[in-house]
C-alpha atoms as a PDB file:
ATOM      1  CA  MET A   1      14.722 -10.605   4.382  1.00  0.00           C
ATOM      2  CA  SER A   2      13.635  -8.358   1.533  1.00  0.00           C
ATOM      3  CA  ARG A   3      10.627  -8.196  -0.772  1.00  0.00           C
ATOM      4  CA  VAL A   4      12.150  -8.686  -4.214  1.00  0.00           C
ATOM      5  CA  PHE A   5      10.988  -8.928  -7.799  1.00  0.00           C
ATOM      6  CA  VAL A   6      12.602  -9.269 -11.211  1.00  0.00           C
ATOM      7  CA  ALA A   7      11.435  -6.752 -13.793  1.00  0.00           C
ATOM      8  CA  LEU A   8      11.976  -4.776 -16.962  1.00  0.00           C
ATOM      9  CA  GLU A   9      12.403  -1.052 -16.577  1.00  0.00           C
ATOM     10  CA  ILE A  10      10.239   1.138 -18.767  1.00  0.00           C
ATOM     11  CA  PRO A  11      11.999   3.982 -20.613  1.00  0.00           C
ATOM     12  CA  SER A  12      11.146   7.596 -19.818  1.00  0.00           C
ATOM     13  CA  HIS A  13       9.334   8.309 -23.106  1.00  0.00           C
ATOM     14  CA  VAL A  14       6.919   5.418 -22.469  1.00  0.00           C
ATOM     15  CA  VAL A  15       6.477   6.401 -18.809  1.00  0.00           C
ATOM     16  CA  ALA A  16       5.662   9.979 -19.898  1.00  0.00           C
ATOM     17  CA  SER A  17       2.998   8.621 -22.267  1.00  0.00           C
ATOM     18  CA  ALA A  18       1.604   6.438 -19.477  1.00  0.00           C
ATOM     19  CA  VAL A  19       1.380   9.422 -17.102  1.00  0.00           C
ATOM     20  CA  SER A  20      -0.448  11.391 -19.815  1.00  0.00           C
ATOM     21  CA  LEU A  21      -2.847   8.447 -20.221  1.00  0.00           C
ATOM     22  CA  GLN A  22      -3.423   8.326 -16.451  1.00  0.00           C
ATOM     23  CA  LYS A  23      -4.486  11.987 -16.497  1.00  0.00           C
ATOM     24  CA  LYS A  24      -6.978  11.324 -19.305  1.00  0.00           C
ATOM     25  CA  LEU A  25      -8.355   8.262 -17.518  1.00  0.00           C
ATOM     26  CA  ASP A  26      -8.620  10.102 -14.218  1.00  0.00           C
ATOM     27  CA  GLY A  27     -10.889  12.657 -15.889  1.00  0.00           C
ATOM     28  CA  LEU A  28     -13.022   9.957 -17.492  1.00  0.00           C
ATOM     29  CA  LEU A  29     -13.299   7.472 -14.629  1.00  0.00           C
ATOM     30  CA  TYR A  30     -13.686  10.060 -11.835  1.00  0.00           C
ATOM     31  CA  ASP A  31     -13.470   7.273  -9.257  1.00  0.00           C
ATOM     32  CA  THR A  32     -11.764   8.303  -6.023  1.00  0.00           C
ATOM     33  CA  ASN A  33     -11.038   4.642  -5.311  1.00  0.00           C
ATOM     34  CA  ILE A  34      -8.341   4.560  -8.017  1.00  0.00           C
ATOM     35  CA  SER A  35      -4.777   5.153  -6.892  1.00  0.00           C
ATOM     36  CA  TRP A  36      -2.633   6.036  -9.921  1.00  0.00           C
ATOM     37  CA  LEU A  37       0.877   4.577  -9.833  1.00  0.00           C
ATOM     38  CA  GLY A  38       3.732   7.053  -9.661  1.00  0.00           C
ATOM     39  CA  SER A  39       6.044   7.113 -12.666  1.00  0.00           C
ATOM     40  CA  VAL A  40       9.024   5.805 -10.657  1.00  0.00           C
ATOM     41  CA  ASN A  41       7.120   2.618  -9.801  1.00  0.00           C
ATOM     42  CA  MET A  42       6.162   1.642 -13.365  1.00  0.00           C
ATOM     43  CA  HIS A  43       7.800  -1.584 -14.553  1.00  0.00           C
ATOM     44  CA  ILE A  44       6.973  -4.938 -16.125  1.00  0.00           C
ATOM     45  CA  THR A  45       7.192  -7.649 -13.470  1.00  0.00           C
ATOM     46  CA  LEU A  46       8.717 -10.903 -14.655  1.00  0.00           C
ATOM     47  CA  LYS A  47       8.578 -12.583 -11.233  1.00  0.00           C
ATOM     48  CA  PHE A  48       7.623 -11.513  -7.722  1.00  0.00           C
ATOM     49  CA  LEU A  49       9.712 -13.351  -5.133  1.00  0.00           C
ATOM     50  CA  ASN A  50       8.345 -11.952  -1.858  1.00  0.00           C
ATOM     51  CA  ASP A  51      10.734 -12.114   1.131  1.00  0.00           C
ATOM     52  CA  ILE A  52      14.151 -13.573   0.381  1.00  0.00           C
ATOM     53  CA  THR A  53      17.584 -13.296   1.998  1.00  0.00           C
ATOM     54  CA  ILE A  54      20.582 -11.356   0.693  1.00  0.00           C
ATOM     55  CA  ALA A  55      22.314 -14.675  -0.061  1.00  0.00           C
ATOM     56  CA  GLN A  56      19.290 -15.772  -2.126  1.00  0.00           C
ATOM     57  CA  ILE A  57      19.299 -12.434  -3.980  1.00  0.00           C
ATOM     58  CA  GLU A  58      22.971 -12.957  -4.871  1.00  0.00           C
ATOM     59  CA  SER A  59      22.350 -16.553  -5.990  1.00  0.00           C
ATOM     60  CA  LEU A  60      19.345 -15.477  -8.042  1.00  0.00           C
ATOM     61  CA  THR A  61      21.333 -12.690  -9.706  1.00  0.00           C
ATOM     62  CA  ASN A  62      24.222 -15.039 -10.577  1.00  0.00           C
ATOM     63  CA  ASP A  63      21.876 -17.665 -11.981  1.00  0.00           C
ATOM     64  CA  LEU A  64      20.033 -15.063 -14.071  1.00  0.00           C
ATOM     65  CA  LYS A  65      23.353 -13.724 -15.421  1.00  0.00           C
ATOM     66  CA  ASN A  66      24.185 -17.215 -16.686  1.00  0.00           C
ATOM     67  CA  LYS A  67      20.746 -17.895 -18.163  1.00  0.00           C
ATOM     68  CA  VAL A  68      19.983 -14.605 -19.938  1.00  0.00           C
ATOM     69  CA  THR A  69      22.865 -15.370 -22.302  1.00  0.00           C
ATOM     70  CA  MET A  70      20.255 -17.497 -24.131  1.00  0.00           C
ATOM     71  CA  VAL A  71      18.349 -14.324 -25.075  1.00  0.00           C
ATOM     72  CA  SER A  72      19.290 -11.494 -27.441  1.00  0.00           C
ATOM     73  CA  PRO A  73      18.013  -7.916 -27.117  1.00  0.00           C
ATOM     74  CA  PHE A  74      14.489  -7.529 -28.502  1.00  0.00           C
ATOM     75  CA  LYS A  75      11.804  -4.889 -29.038  1.00  0.00           C
ATOM     76  CA  ILE A  76       8.484  -4.541 -27.264  1.00  0.00           C
ATOM     77  CA  GLU A  77       5.777  -1.905 -27.307  1.00  0.00           C
ATOM     78  CA  ALA A  78       3.398  -0.567 -24.667  1.00  0.00           C
ATOM     79  CA  LEU A  79      -0.069  -0.765 -26.168  1.00  0.00           C
ATOM     80  CA  GLY A  80      -3.660  -1.279 -25.186  1.00  0.00           C
ATOM     81  CA  LEU A  81      -5.499  -0.871 -21.918  1.00  0.00           C
ATOM     82  CA  GLY A  82      -7.250  -3.362 -19.671  1.00  0.00           C
ATOM     83  CA  CYS A  83      -8.011  -4.344 -16.103  1.00  0.00           C
ATOM     84  CA  PHE A  84      -7.668  -7.373 -13.839  1.00  0.00           C
ATOM     85  CA  PRO A  85      -9.656  -9.454 -13.173  1.00  0.00           C
ATOM     86  CA  ASP A  86     -12.514  -7.851 -15.189  1.00  0.00           C
ATOM     87  CA  VAL A  87     -14.584  -4.642 -15.494  1.00  0.00           C
ATOM     88  CA  TYR A  88     -17.129  -5.864 -12.926  1.00  0.00           C
ATOM     89  CA  ARG A  89     -14.484  -6.480 -10.233  1.00  0.00           C
ATOM     90  CA  PRO A  90     -11.478  -4.364 -11.254  1.00  0.00           C
ATOM     91  CA  ARG A  91      -8.445  -4.311  -8.964  1.00  0.00           C
ATOM     92  CA  VAL A  92      -5.754  -3.174 -11.423  1.00  0.00           C
ATOM     93  CA  ILE A  93      -5.752  -0.968 -14.530  1.00  0.00           C
ATOM     94  CA  TRP A  94      -2.906  -1.890 -16.871  1.00  0.00           C
ATOM     95  CA  VAL A  95      -1.200  -1.142 -20.169  1.00  0.00           C
ATOM     96  CA  GLY A  96      -0.501  -4.192 -22.313  1.00  0.00           C
ATOM     97  CA  VAL A  97       2.637  -5.216 -24.158  1.00  0.00           C
ATOM     98  CA  GLY A  98       3.094  -6.099 -27.822  1.00  0.00           C
ATOM     99  CA  GLY A  99       6.017  -6.665 -30.144  1.00  0.00           C
ATOM    100  CA  GLU A 100       8.376  -9.570 -29.508  1.00  0.00           C
ATOM    101  CA  VAL A 101       6.262 -10.896 -26.644  1.00  0.00           C
ATOM    102  CA  GLU A 102       7.560 -14.456 -27.117  1.00  0.00           C
ATOM    103  CA  MET A 103      11.021 -13.201 -26.064  1.00  0.00           C
ATOM    104  CA  LEU A 104       9.482 -11.516 -23.030  1.00  0.00           C
ATOM    105  CA  CYS A 105       7.768 -14.800 -22.144  1.00  0.00           C
ATOM    106  CA  ARG A 106      11.135 -16.526 -22.520  1.00  0.00           C
ATOM    107  CA  LEU A 107      12.646 -14.114 -19.972  1.00  0.00           C
ATOM    108  CA  ASN A 108       9.738 -14.892 -17.655  1.00  0.00           C
ATOM    109  CA  SER A 109      10.466 -18.628 -18.033  1.00  0.00           C
ATOM    110  CA  ILE A 110      14.152 -18.055 -17.287  1.00  0.00           C
ATOM    111  CA  THR A 111      13.225 -16.100 -14.162  1.00  0.00           C
ATOM    112  CA  ASP A 112      10.811 -18.870 -13.091  1.00  0.00           C
ATOM    113  CA  SER A 113      13.561 -21.440 -13.632  1.00  0.00           C
ATOM    114  CA  SER A 114      16.028 -19.466 -11.500  1.00  0.00           C
ATOM    115  CA  ALA A 115      13.455 -19.076  -8.711  1.00  0.00           C
ATOM    116  CA  ASP A 116      12.658 -22.803  -8.847  1.00  0.00           C
ATOM    117  CA  LYS A 117      16.353 -23.702  -8.752  1.00  0.00           C
ATOM    118  CA  LEU A 118      16.686 -21.736  -5.520  1.00  0.00           C
ATOM    119  CA  GLN A 119      13.504 -23.373  -4.183  1.00  0.00           C
ATOM    120  CA  LEU A 120      11.829 -20.026  -3.626  1.00  0.00           C
ATOM    121  CA  ASN A 121       8.364 -21.587  -4.004  1.00  0.00           C
ATOM    122  CA  THR A 122       6.792 -18.559  -5.631  1.00  0.00           C
ATOM    123  CA  GLY A 123       3.912 -20.503  -7.118  1.00  0.00           C
ATOM    124  CA  ILE A 124       2.831 -20.803 -10.708  1.00  0.00           C
ATOM    125  CA  ARG A 125       1.133 -17.831 -12.340  1.00  0.00           C
ATOM    126  CA  ILE A 126       0.190 -17.394 -15.942  1.00  0.00           C
ATOM    127  CA  PHE A 127       2.372 -14.597 -17.298  1.00  0.00           C
ATOM    128  CA  LYS A 128       0.338 -11.804 -18.883  1.00  0.00           C
ATOM    129  CA  PRO A 129       2.764  -9.102 -20.065  1.00  0.00           C
ATOM    130  CA  HIS A 130       1.590  -5.703 -18.807  1.00  0.00           C
ATOM    131  CA  PHE A 131       2.451  -2.887 -16.476  1.00  0.00           C
ATOM    132  CA  THR A 132       0.156  -1.466 -13.837  1.00  0.00           C
ATOM    133  CA  ILE A 133      -0.838   2.205 -14.030  1.00  0.00           C
ATOM    134  CA  GLY A 134      -3.624   2.222 -11.417  1.00  0.00           C
ATOM    135  CA  ARG A 135      -5.064   0.210  -8.541  1.00  0.00           C
ATOM    136  CA  TYR A 136      -8.479   0.269  -6.960  1.00  0.00           C
ATOM    137  CA  ARG A 137      -7.924   1.045  -3.267  1.00  0.00           C
ATOM    138  CA  ALA A 138     -11.165  -0.490  -2.037  1.00  0.00           C
ATOM    139  CA  LYS A 139     -13.127  -3.474  -3.190  1.00  0.00           C
ATOM    140  CA  TYR A 140     -15.111  -2.487  -6.233  1.00  0.00           C
ATOM    141  CA  ASN A 141     -18.874  -2.400  -5.710  1.00  0.00           C
ATOM    142  CA  SER A 142     -20.191  -4.947  -8.207  1.00  0.00           C
ATOM    143  CA  ASN A 143     -23.699  -3.478  -7.914  1.00  0.00           C
ATOM    144  CA  LYS A 144     -22.552  -0.312  -9.654  1.00  0.00           C
ATOM    145  CA  SER A 145     -23.196  -1.436 -13.209  1.00  0.00           C
ATOM    146  CA  ILE A 146     -22.991   2.164 -14.436  1.00  0.00           C
ATOM    147  CA  GLU A 147     -19.348   2.402 -13.319  1.00  0.00           C
ATOM    148  CA  ALA A 148     -18.638  -0.956 -14.972  1.00  0.00           C
ATOM    149  CA  GLU A 149     -20.139   0.359 -18.220  1.00  0.00           C
ATOM    150  CA  VAL A 150     -18.006   3.508 -17.993  1.00  0.00           C
ATOM    151  CA  LEU A 151     -14.857   1.435 -17.372  1.00  0.00           C
ATOM    152  CA  LEU A 152     -15.743  -0.871 -20.266  1.00  0.00           C
ATOM    153  CA  ASP A 153     -16.222   2.128 -22.584  1.00  0.00           C
ATOM    154  CA  VAL A 154     -12.896   3.620 -21.487  1.00  0.00           C
ATOM    155  CA  ILE A 155     -11.103   0.312 -22.105  1.00  0.00           C
ATOM    156  CA  LYS A 156     -12.734   0.008 -25.532  1.00  0.00           C
ATOM    157  CA  ASN A 157     -11.794   3.592 -26.438  1.00  0.00           C
ATOM    158  CA  PHE A 158      -8.186   3.245 -25.262  1.00  0.00           C
ATOM    159  CA  GLY A 159      -7.802  -0.456 -26.062  1.00  0.00           C
ATOM    160  CA  SER A 160      -5.592   0.234 -29.055  1.00  0.00           C
ATOM    161  CA  CYS A 161      -3.558   3.124 -27.590  1.00  0.00           C
ATOM    162  CA  ARG A 162       0.155   3.009 -28.352  1.00  0.00           C
ATOM    163  CA  LEU A 163       2.520   4.470 -25.771  1.00  0.00           C
ATOM    164  CA  GLY A 164       5.870   3.706 -27.353  1.00  0.00           C
ATOM    165  CA  GLU A 165       8.368   1.045 -28.325  1.00  0.00           C
ATOM    166  CA  TRP A 166      11.770   0.192 -26.870  1.00  0.00           C
ATOM    167  CA  GLN A 167      14.568  -2.333 -26.991  1.00  0.00           C
ATOM    168  CA  VAL A 168      14.884  -4.645 -24.011  1.00  0.00           C
ATOM    169  CA  ASP A 169      18.554  -5.098 -23.211  1.00  0.00           C
ATOM    170  CA  CYS A 170      18.535  -5.811 -19.478  1.00  0.00           C
ATOM    171  CA  ILE A 171      16.483  -7.119 -16.590  1.00  0.00           C
ATOM    172  CA  VAL A 172      16.559  -5.737 -13.062  1.00  0.00           C
ATOM    173  CA  VAL A 173      16.419  -7.378  -9.649  1.00  0.00           C
ATOM    174  CA  VAL A 174      14.498  -4.914  -7.470  1.00  0.00           C
ATOM    175  CA  LYS A 175      14.026  -4.582  -3.715  1.00  0.00           C
ATOM    176  CA  SER A 176      10.586  -3.296  -2.719  1.00  0.00           C
ATOM    177  CA  GLU A 177       9.952  -1.593   0.609  1.00  0.00           C
ATOM    178  CA  LEU A 178       6.397  -0.829   1.717  1.00  0.00           C
ATOM    179  CA  SER A 179       5.480   2.229   3.739  1.00  0.00           C
ATOM    180  CA  LYS A 180       2.438   4.385   4.427  1.00  0.00           C
ATOM    181  CA  LEU A 181       3.475   6.489   1.430  1.00  0.00           C
ATOM    182  CA  GLY A 182       3.468   3.442  -0.883  1.00  0.00           C
ATOM    183  CA  ALA A 183       6.102   1.120  -2.279  1.00  0.00           C
ATOM    184  CA  ARG A 184       9.675   2.279  -2.818  1.00  0.00           C
ATOM    185  CA  HIS A 185      11.598   0.276  -5.410  1.00  0.00           C
ATOM    186  CA  THR A 186      15.387   0.116  -5.380  1.00  0.00           C
ATOM    187  CA  PRO A 187      17.341  -1.691  -8.118  1.00  0.00           C
ATOM    188  CA  VAL A 188      19.718  -4.235  -6.568  1.00  0.00           C
ATOM    189  CA  SER A 189      21.241  -5.515  -9.802  1.00  0.00           C
ATOM    190  CA  ARG A 190      20.959  -4.873 -13.539  1.00  0.00           C
ATOM    191  CA  ILE A 191      21.634  -7.866 -15.752  1.00  0.00           C
ATOM    192  CA  SER A 192      22.524  -7.135 -19.372  1.00  0.00           C
ATOM    193  CA  ILE A 193      21.047  -9.068 -22.252  1.00  0.00           C
ATOM    194  CA  LYS A 194      23.658  -9.350 -25.004  1.00  0.00           C
END
């Protein structure tokens, strides 16, 4: 069994901009509870599938290959900054996605459909296109309203940042292995969008 997800890779010029943004944010937020994601782990998750077998990975990949023929390459842009679930209880700091988001949502629906077909029971989640750049390691202290105000100011100031645009022309099935050093992601299959 392997932890697997389906994702979009982020091109190096956008990742470089995201790393530069992380450095700016680290200086402004000065919170030791934030773990900044390494550049190799940045991606846009379409669907997290948890533990599935090699046979299920192969079936998923084949089904996705058949279904992505309904989509043509499209452009998206990394822009904006936010956090989940909110500034008073942040767990994740993210960069948003703009551009042809409806096509991205269509890919998410295709991935959901393939997971459902294989009865992977991944649950229903509202898709909010983004990629994670930081995670709070410990539960945020909701009594620290000063930190919430600082985070809110940072999000307002960087809320319209633009990190770059790219053409989406493939999706990736990725195996994720957890260790004490963090997650290691290994592409299992790249599926072209033509």
